[in-house]
PDB file of N, CA and C in Angstrom:
ATOM      1  N   MET A   1     144.330 130.830  89.290  1.00  0.00           N
ATOM      2  CA  MET A   1     143.688 131.041  90.391  1.00  0.00           C
ATOM      3  C   MET A   1     144.382 132.264  91.195  1.00  0.00           C
ATOM      4  N   PRO A   2     143.728 133.326  91.618  1.00  0.00           N
ATOM      5  CA  PRO A   2     144.005 134.177  92.344  1.00  0.00           C
ATOM      6  C   PRO A   2     144.566 133.976  93.772  1.00  0.00           C
ATOM      7  N   TYR A   3     145.624 134.596  94.286  1.00  0.00           N
ATOM      8  CA  TYR A   3     146.148 134.345  95.599  1.00  0.00           C
ATOM      9  C   TYR A   3     145.024 134.841  96.543  1.00  0.00           C
ATOM     10  N   GLU A   4     145.141 133.978  97.653  1.00  0.00           N
ATOM     11  CA  GLU A   4     144.425 134.387  98.839  1.00  0.00           C
ATOM     12  C   GLU A   4     145.095 135.198  99.777  1.00  0.00           C
ATOM     13  N   TYR A   5     144.707 136.075 100.715  1.00  0.00           N
ATOM     14  CA  TYR A   5     145.455 137.025 101.490  1.00  0.00           C
ATOM     15  C   TYR A   5     146.474 136.062 102.338  1.00  0.00           C
ATOM     16  N   ASN A   6     146.038 134.948 102.931  1.00  0.00           N
ATOM     17  CA  ASN A   6     146.945 134.150 103.863  1.00  0.00           C
ATOM     18  C   ASN A   6     147.955 133.634 103.016  1.00  0.00           C
ATOM     19  N   ASP A   7     147.925 133.225 101.608  1.00  0.00           N
ATOM     20  CA  ASP A   7     148.933 132.801 100.843  1.00  0.00           C
ATOM     21  C   ASP A   7     149.983 133.841 100.589  1.00  0.00           C
ATOM     22  N   ILE A   8     149.530 135.134 100.465  1.00  0.00           N
ATOM     23  CA  ILE A   8     150.513 136.107 100.154  1.00  0.00           C
ATOM     24  C   ILE A   8     151.231 136.357 101.294  1.00  0.00           C
ATOM     25  N   VAL A   9     150.606 136.530 102.526  1.00  0.00           N
ATOM     26  CA  VAL A   9     151.417 136.702 103.627  1.00  0.00           C
ATOM     27  C   VAL A   9     152.279 135.540 103.988  1.00  0.00           C
ATOM     28  N   ARG A  10     151.823 134.344 103.752  1.00  0.00           N
ATOM     29  CA  ARG A  10     152.818 133.374 104.046  1.00  0.00           C
ATOM     30  C   ARG A  10     154.013 133.236 103.045  1.00  0.00           C
ATOM     31  N   GLN A  11     153.862 133.620 101.930  1.00  0.00           N
ATOM     32  CA  GLN A  11     154.762 133.649 100.864  1.00  0.00           C
ATOM     33  C   GLN A  11     155.878 134.729 101.407  1.00  0.00           C
ATOM     34  N   PHE A  12     155.466 135.934 101.791  1.00  0.00           N
ATOM     35  CA  PHE A  12     156.211 136.962 102.123  1.00  0.00           C
ATOM     36  C   PHE A  12     156.866 136.687 103.204  1.00  0.00           C
ATOM     37  N   PHE A  13     156.173 136.087 104.252  1.00  0.00           N
ATOM     38  CA  PHE A  13     156.972 135.505 105.607  1.00  0.00           C
ATOM     39  C   PHE A  13     158.122 134.597 105.204  1.00  0.00           C
ATOM     40  N   GLU A  14     157.917 133.732 104.262  1.00  0.00           N
ATOM     41  CA  GLU A  14     159.057 132.785 104.012  1.00  0.00           C
ATOM     42  C   GLU A  14     160.068 133.425 103.336  1.00  0.00           C
ATOM     43  N   GLU A  15     159.826 134.408 102.352  1.00  0.00           N
ATOM     44  CA  GLU A  15     160.792 134.896 101.628  1.00  0.00           C
ATOM     45  C   GLU A  15     161.656 135.943 102.366  1.00  0.00           C
ATOM     46  N   LEU A  16     161.164 136.538 103.282  1.00  0.00           N
ATOM     47  CA  LEU A  16     161.819 137.668 104.262  1.00  0.00           C
ATOM     48  C   LEU A  16     162.743 137.025 105.325  1.00  0.00           C
ATOM     49  N   LYS A  17     162.343 135.738 105.618  1.00  0.00           N
ATOM     50  CA  LYS A  17     163.037 135.188 106.565  1.00  0.00           C
ATOM     51  C   LYS A  17     164.521 135.095 106.613  1.00  0.00           C
ATOM     52  N   PRO A  18     165.111 134.619 105.339  1.00  0.00           N
ATOM     53  CA  PRO A  18     166.671 134.572 105.429  1.00  0.00           C
ATOM     54  C   PRO A  18     167.252 136.015 105.601  1.00  0.00           C
ATOM     55  N   LEU A  19     166.661 136.970 104.971  1.00  0.00           N
ATOM     56  CA  LEU A  19     167.096 138.367 105.105  1.00  0.00           C
ATOM     57  C   LEU A  19     167.131 138.806 106.528  1.00  0.00           C
ATOM     58  N   PHE A  20     166.024 138.494 107.199  1.00  0.00           N
ATOM     59  CA  PHE A  20     165.843 138.967 108.687  1.00  0.00           C
ATOM     60  C   PHE A  20     166.863 138.169 109.525  1.00  0.00           C
ATOM     61  N   VAL A  21     166.919 136.829 109.263  1.00  0.00           N
ATOM     62  CA  VAL A  21     168.010 136.197 110.196  1.00  0.00           C
ATOM     63  C   VAL A  21     169.460 136.836 109.960  1.00  0.00           C
ATOM     64  N   ASN A  22     169.625 136.873 108.556  1.00  0.00           N
ATOM     65  CA  ASN A  22     171.189 137.326 108.271  1.00  0.00           C
ATOM     66  C   ASN A  22     171.345 138.769 108.865  1.00  0.00           C
ATOM     67  N   TYR A  23     170.338 139.729 108.746  1.00  0.00           N
ATOM     68  CA  TYR A  23     170.314 140.967 109.221  1.00  0.00           C
ATOM     69  C   TYR A  23     170.594 141.101 110.729  1.00  0.00           C
ATOM     70  N   LEU A  24     169.854 140.235 111.510  1.00  0.00           N
ATOM     71  CA  LEU A  24     170.027 140.197 113.017  1.00  0.00           C
ATOM     72  C   LEU A  24     171.329 139.576 113.377  1.00  0.00           C
ATOM     73  N   ARG A  25     171.649 138.240 112.788  1.00  0.00           N
ATOM     74  CA  ARG A  25     173.005 137.787 113.031  1.00  0.00           C
ATOM     75  C   ARG A  25     174.160 138.553 112.804  1.00  0.00           C
ATOM     76  N   LYS A  26     174.096 139.335 111.785  1.00  0.00           N
ATOM     77  CA  LYS A  26     175.161 140.193 111.453  1.00  0.00           C
ATOM     78  C   LYS A  26     175.283 141.501 112.619  1.00  0.00           C
ATOM     79  N   ASN A  27     174.360 141.857 113.153  1.00  0.00           N
ATOM     80  CA  ASN A  27     174.381 142.988 114.063  1.00  0.00           C
ATOM     81  C   ASN A  27     174.276 142.581 115.510  1.00  0.00           C
ATOM     82  N   PHE A  28     173.818 141.384 115.797  1.00  0.00           N
ATOM     83  CA  PHE A  28     173.577 140.990 117.408  1.00  0.00           C
ATOM     84  C   PHE A  28     174.145 139.899 117.642  1.00  0.00           C
ATOM     85  N   THR A  29     174.358 139.486 118.813  1.00  0.00           N
ATOM     86  CA  THR A  29     174.836 138.251 119.209  1.00  0.00           C
ATOM     87  C   THR A  29     173.654 137.553 119.785  1.00  0.00           C
ATOM     88  N   LEU A  30     172.990 136.766 118.720  1.00  0.00           N
ATOM     89  CA  LEU A  30     171.789 136.036 119.149  1.00  0.00           C
ATOM     90  C   LEU A  30     171.932 134.593 118.169  1.00  0.00           C
ATOM     91  N   ASP A  31     171.238 133.813 118.946  1.00  0.00           N
ATOM     92  CA  ASP A  31     171.388 132.387 117.974  1.00  0.00           C
ATOM     93  C   ASP A  31     170.080 132.139 117.156  1.00  0.00           C
ATOM     94  N   TYR A  32     169.912 131.354 116.415  1.00  0.00           N
ATOM     95  CA  TYR A  32     168.804 131.272 115.485  1.00  0.00           C
ATOM     96  C   TYR A  32     167.460 131.015 116.094  1.00  0.00           C
ATOM     97  N   ASP A  33     167.482 130.267 117.269  1.00  0.00           N
ATOM     98  CA  ASP A  33     166.182 130.255 117.865  1.00  0.00           C
ATOM     99  C   ASP A  33     165.711 131.485 118.432  1.00  0.00           C
ATOM    100  N   GLU A  34     166.734 132.326 119.017  1.00  0.00           N
ATOM    101  CA  GLU A  34     166.181 133.640 119.435  1.00  0.00           C
ATOM    102  C   GLU A  34     165.892 134.525 118.340  1.00  0.00           C
ATOM    103  N   ILE A  35     166.377 134.433 117.305  1.00  0.00           N
ATOM    104  CA  ILE A  35     166.034 135.301 116.082  1.00  0.00           C
ATOM    105  C   ILE A  35     164.706 134.731 115.578  1.00  0.00           C
ATOM    106  N   MET A  36     164.388 133.462 115.521  1.00  0.00           N
ATOM    107  CA  MET A  36     163.199 133.064 115.033  1.00  0.00           C
ATOM    108  C   MET A  36     162.034 133.482 116.092  1.00  0.00           C
ATOM    109  N   ASP A  37     162.359 133.438 117.177  1.00  0.00           N
ATOM    110  CA  ASP A  37     161.315 133.901 118.337  1.00  0.00           C
ATOM    111  C   ASP A  37     160.886 135.559 118.052  1.00  0.00           C
ATOM    112  N   ILE A  38     162.031 136.319 117.765  1.00  0.00           N
ATOM    113  CA  ILE A  38     161.862 137.679 117.339  1.00  0.00           C
ATOM    114  C   ILE A  38     161.024 137.700 116.060  1.00  0.00           C
ATOM    115  N   TYR A  39     161.401 136.880 115.154  1.00  0.00           N
ATOM    116  CA  TYR A  39     160.605 136.948 113.873  1.00  0.00           C
ATOM    117  C   TYR A  39     159.129 136.891 113.916  1.00  0.00           C
ATOM    118  N   THR A  40     159.037 135.724 114.796  1.00  0.00           N
ATOM    119  CA  THR A  40     157.316 135.451 115.028  1.00  0.00           C
ATOM    120  C   THR A  40     156.709 136.792 115.857  1.00  0.00           C
ATOM    121  N   ASP A  41     157.509 137.145 116.718  1.00  0.00           N
ATOM    122  CA  ASP A  41     156.958 138.173 117.519  1.00  0.00           C
ATOM    123  C   ASP A  41     156.623 139.458 116.571  1.00  0.00           C
ATOM    124  N   VAL A  42     157.549 139.501 115.858  1.00  0.00           N
ATOM    125  CA  VAL A  42     157.522 140.722 114.875  1.00  0.00           C
ATOM    126  C   VAL A  42     156.328 140.623 113.948  1.00  0.00           C
ATOM    127  N   TRP A  43     155.985 139.482 113.450  1.00  0.00           N
ATOM    128  CA  TRP A  43     154.882 139.278 112.611  1.00  0.00           C
ATOM    129  C   TRP A  43     153.651 139.348 113.489  1.00  0.00           C
ATOM    130  N   MET A  44     153.452 138.786 114.676  1.00  0.00           N
ATOM    131  CA  MET A  44     152.321 139.136 115.494  1.00  0.00           C
ATOM    132  C   MET A  44     151.951 140.504 115.702  1.00  0.00           C
ATOM    133  N   ASP A  45     153.101 141.302 115.940  1.00  0.00           N
ATOM    134  CA  ASP A  45     153.007 142.717 116.286  1.00  0.00           C
ATOM    135  C   ASP A  45     152.590 143.691 115.027  1.00  0.00           C
ATOM    136  N   VAL A  46     153.209 143.017 113.710  1.00  0.00           N
ATOM    137  CA  VAL A  46     152.471 143.687 112.470  1.00  0.00           C
ATOM    138  C   VAL A  46     151.119 143.458 112.494  1.00  0.00           C
ATOM    139  N   ARG A  47     150.612 142.213 112.538  1.00  0.00           N
ATOM    140  CA  ARG A  47     149.087 141.913 112.531  1.00  0.00           C
ATOM    141  C   ARG A  47     148.334 142.820 113.359  1.00  0.00           C
ATOM    142  N   ASN A  48     148.983 143.059 114.815  1.00  0.00           N
ATOM    143  CA  ASN A  48     148.256 143.935 115.858  1.00  0.00           C
ATOM    144  C   ASN A  48     148.101 145.171 115.358  1.00  0.00           C
ATOM    145  N   ASN A  49     149.291 145.743 114.819  1.00  0.00           N
ATOM    146  CA  ASN A  49     149.436 147.194 114.357  1.00  0.00           C
ATOM    147  C   ASN A  49     148.393 147.441 113.204  1.00  0.00           C
ATOM    148  N   ILE A  50     148.241 146.405 112.141  1.00  0.00           N
ATOM    149  CA  ILE A  50     147.274 146.471 111.048  1.00  0.00           C
ATOM    150  C   ILE A  50     145.835 146.550 111.676  1.00  0.00           C
ATOM    151  N   THR A  51     145.509 145.799 112.538  1.00  0.00           N
ATOM    152  CA  THR A  51     144.133 145.729 112.980  1.00  0.00           C
ATOM    153  C   THR A  51     143.783 146.980 113.818  1.00  0.00           C
ATOM    154  N   ARG A  52     144.869 147.552 114.390  1.00  0.00           N
ATOM    155  CA  ARG A  52     144.524 148.817 115.307  1.00  0.00           C
ATOM    156  C   ARG A  52     144.727 149.970 114.633  1.00  0.00           C
ATOM    157  N   GLY A  53     145.088 149.904 113.351  1.00  0.00           N
ATOM    158  CA  GLY A  53     144.994 151.110 112.237  1.00  0.00           C
ATOM    159  C   GLY A  53     146.326 151.881 112.571  1.00  0.00           C
ATOM    160  N   ARG A  54     147.525 151.255 113.096  1.00  0.00           N
ATOM    161  CA  ARG A  54     148.689 151.958 113.193  1.00  0.00           C
ATOM    162  C   ARG A  54     149.799 151.850 112.068  1.00  0.00           C
ATOM    163  N   VAL A  55     149.241 151.378 110.960  1.00  0.00           N
ATOM    164  CA  VAL A  55     150.182 151.277 109.995  1.00  0.00           C
ATOM    165  C   VAL A  55     149.795 152.134 108.826  1.00  0.00           C
ATOM    166  N   GLU A  56     150.627 152.999 108.214  1.00  0.00           N
ATOM    167  CA  GLU A  56     150.201 153.977 107.386  1.00  0.00           C
ATOM    168  C   GLU A  56     150.049 153.353 105.871  1.00  0.00           C
ATOM    169  N   THR A  57     149.134 153.650 105.053  1.00  0.00           N
ATOM    170  CA  THR A  57     149.179 153.572 103.555  1.00  0.00           C
ATOM    171  C   THR A  57     150.497 153.758 103.028  1.00  0.00           C
ATOM    172  N   GLY A  58     151.064 152.848 102.164  1.00  0.00           N
ATOM    173  CA  GLY A  58     152.387 153.052 101.608  1.00  0.00           C
ATOM    174  C   GLY A  58     153.630 152.541 102.354  1.00  0.00           C
ATOM    175  N   THR A  59     153.318 151.830 103.333  1.00  0.00           N
ATOM    176  CA  THR A  59     154.258 151.500 104.302  1.00  0.00           C
ATOM    177  C   THR A  59     155.267 150.643 103.424  1.00  0.00           C
ATOM    178  N   LYS A  60     156.586 150.636 103.486  1.00  0.00           N
ATOM    179  CA  LYS A  60     157.386 149.834 103.015  1.00  0.00           C
ATOM    180  C   LYS A  60     157.777 148.464 103.947  1.00  0.00           C
ATOM    181  N   TRP A  61     157.055 147.527 103.532  1.00  0.00           N
ATOM    182  CA  TRP A  61     156.937 146.362 104.417  1.00  0.00           C
ATOM    183  C   TRP A  61     158.149 145.695 104.899  1.00  0.00           C
ATOM    184  N   LYS A  62     159.123 145.504 103.863  1.00  0.00           N
ATOM    185  CA  LYS A  62     160.218 145.161 104.427  1.00  0.00           C
ATOM    186  C   LYS A  62     161.185 145.883 105.375  1.00  0.00           C
ATOM    187  N   ALA A  63     161.235 147.074 105.144  1.00  0.00           N
ATOM    188  CA  ALA A  63     161.820 147.936 105.987  1.00  0.00           C
ATOM    189  C   ALA A  63     161.132 147.959 107.317  1.00  0.00           C
ATOM    190  N   TYR A  64     159.866 148.027 107.441  1.00  0.00           N
ATOM    191  CA  TYR A  64     159.062 148.078 108.671  1.00  0.00           C
ATOM    192  C   TYR A  64     159.306 146.901 109.403  1.00  0.00           C
ATOM    193  N   ILE A  65     159.368 145.636 108.785  1.00  0.00           N
ATOM    194  CA  ILE A  65     159.420 144.362 109.643  1.00  0.00           C
ATOM    195  C   ILE A  65     160.945 144.344 110.005  1.00  0.00           C
ATOM    196  N   LEU A  66     162.013 144.754 109.326  1.00  0.00           N
ATOM    197  CA  LEU A  66     163.421 144.602 109.652  1.00  0.00           C
ATOM    198  C   LEU A  66     163.706 145.650 110.856  1.00  0.00           C
ATOM    199  N   LYS A  67     162.938 146.849 110.839  1.00  0.00           N
ATOM    200  CA  LYS A  67     163.244 147.884 111.912  1.00  0.00           C
ATOM    201  C   LYS A  67     162.475 147.373 113.222  1.00  0.00           C
ATOM    202  N   MET A  68     161.442 146.635 112.996  1.00  0.00           N
ATOM    203  CA  MET A  68     160.802 146.019 114.198  1.00  0.00           C
ATOM    204  C   MET A  68     161.603 145.016 114.765  1.00  0.00           C
ATOM    205  N   GLY A  69     162.175 144.091 113.813  1.00  0.00           N
ATOM    206  CA  GLY A  69     163.195 143.303 114.287  1.00  0.00           C
ATOM    207  C   GLY A  69     164.367 143.680 115.092  1.00  0.00           C
ATOM    208  N   TRP A  70     164.812 144.774 114.436  1.00  0.00           N
ATOM    209  CA  TRP A  70     165.952 145.494 115.012  1.00  0.00           C
ATOM    210  C   TRP A  70     165.699 145.991 116.497  1.00  0.00           C
ATOM    211  N   ASN A  71     164.591 146.576 116.554  1.00  0.00           N
ATOM    212  CA  ASN A  71     164.071 147.210 117.808  1.00  0.00           C
ATOM    213  C   ASN A  71     164.074 145.957 118.989  1.00  0.00           C
ATOM    214  N   GLN A  72     163.308 144.989 118.577  1.00  0.00           N
ATOM    215  CA  GLN A  72     163.248 143.908 119.556  1.00  0.00           C
ATOM    216  C   GLN A  72     164.568 143.141 119.926  1.00  0.00           C
ATOM    217  N   ALA A  73     165.377 142.986 118.863  1.00  0.00           N
ATOM    218  CA  ALA A  73     166.776 142.256 119.021  1.00  0.00           C
ATOM    219  C   ALA A  73     167.577 143.208 119.954  1.00  0.00           C
ATOM    220  N   ASN A  74     167.335 144.633 119.741  1.00  0.00           N
ATOM    221  CA  ASN A  74     168.218 145.464 120.570  1.00  0.00           C
ATOM    222  C   ASN A  74     167.859 145.460 122.018  1.00  0.00           C
ATOM    223  N   LYS A  75     166.561 144.996 122.473  1.00  0.00           N
ATOM    224  CA  LYS A  75     166.234 144.925 123.671  1.00  0.00           C
ATOM    225  C   LYS A  75     166.655 143.602 124.328  1.00  0.00           C
ATOM    226  N   LYS A  76     166.803 142.593 123.471  1.00  0.00           N
ATOM    227  CA  LYS A  76     167.308 141.237 124.033  1.00  0.00           C
ATOM    228  C   LYS A  76     168.662 141.035 124.026  1.00  0.00           C
ATOM    229  N   ALA A  77     169.464 141.496 123.121  1.00  0.00           N
ATOM    230  CA  ALA A  77     170.788 141.201 122.950  1.00  0.00           C
ATOM    231  C   ALA A  77     171.870 142.295 123.075  1.00  0.00           C
ATOM    232  N   THR A  78     173.132 142.044 123.059  1.00  0.00           N
ATOM    233  CA  THR A  78     174.071 143.076 122.970  1.00  0.00           C
ATOM    234  C   THR A  78     174.381 143.075 121.425  1.00  0.00           C
ATOM    235  N   ARG A  79     174.682 144.371 120.956  1.00  0.00           N
ATOM    236  CA  ARG A  79     175.193 144.566 119.677  1.00  0.00           C
ATOM    237  C   ARG A  79     176.572 144.074 119.253  1.00  0.00           C
ATOM    238  N   ARG A  80     176.787 143.417 118.102  1.00  0.00           N
ATOM    239  CA  ARG A  80     178.113 142.887 117.704  1.00  0.00           C
ATOM    240  C   ARG A  80     179.104 144.035 117.570  1.00  0.00           C
ATOM    241  N   PRO A  81     180.198 144.001 118.154  1.00  0.00           N
ATOM    242  CA  PRO A  81     181.429 145.169 117.835  1.00  0.00           C
ATOM    243  C   PRO A  81     181.450 145.110 116.391  1.00  0.00           C
ATOM    244  N   ARG A  82     181.823 146.394 115.818  1.00  0.00           N
ATOM    245  CA  ARG A  82     181.986 146.517 114.398  1.00  0.00           C
ATOM    246  C   ARG A  82     183.663 146.438 114.334  1.00  0.00           C
ATOM    247  N   ASP A  83     183.965 145.718 113.182  1.00  0.00           N
ATOM    248  CA  ASP A  83     185.309 145.342 112.869  1.00  0.00           C
ATOM    249  C   ASP A  83     185.938 146.490 112.057  1.00  0.00           C
ATOM    250  N   ILE A  84     186.509 147.423 112.802  1.00  0.00           N
ATOM    251  CA  ILE A  84     187.135 148.596 112.211  1.00  0.00           C
ATOM    252  C   ILE A  84     187.903 148.282 110.830  1.00  0.00           C
ATOM    253  N   ASP A  85     188.685 147.246 110.921  1.00  0.00           N
ATOM    254  CA  ASP A  85     189.432 146.904 109.718  1.00  0.00           C
ATOM    255  C   ASP A  85     188.522 146.553 108.544  1.00  0.00           C
ATOM    256  N   SER A  86     187.452 146.287 108.667  1.00  0.00           N
ATOM    257  CA  SER A  86     186.511 145.822 107.459  1.00  0.00           C
ATOM    258  C   SER A  86     186.112 147.144 106.720  1.00  0.00           C
ATOM    259  N   TYR A  87     186.373 148.326 106.984  1.00  0.00           N
ATOM    260  CA  TYR A  87     185.889 149.659 106.397  1.00  0.00           C
ATOM    261  C   TYR A  87     187.031 150.080 105.554  1.00  0.00           C
TER     262      TYR A  87
END
């Protein structure tokens, strides 16, 4: 049975969630609930951008969603300081 559009989106939503959470936790001082609020907002913005024709063909979805999350987190939180010794 072929996948329906909603099934594909739901599967990608769930698969990307751990990467998104870890990415923002690593770079920002946000708790899990704040990150999940951002994740939900990002997906609503993705849908709006698609319906308004603001997404180009060939978009790298993972990078697109992570960048949108980065931008939204940057507005809400302070960045974690880099540990100079870790380089």
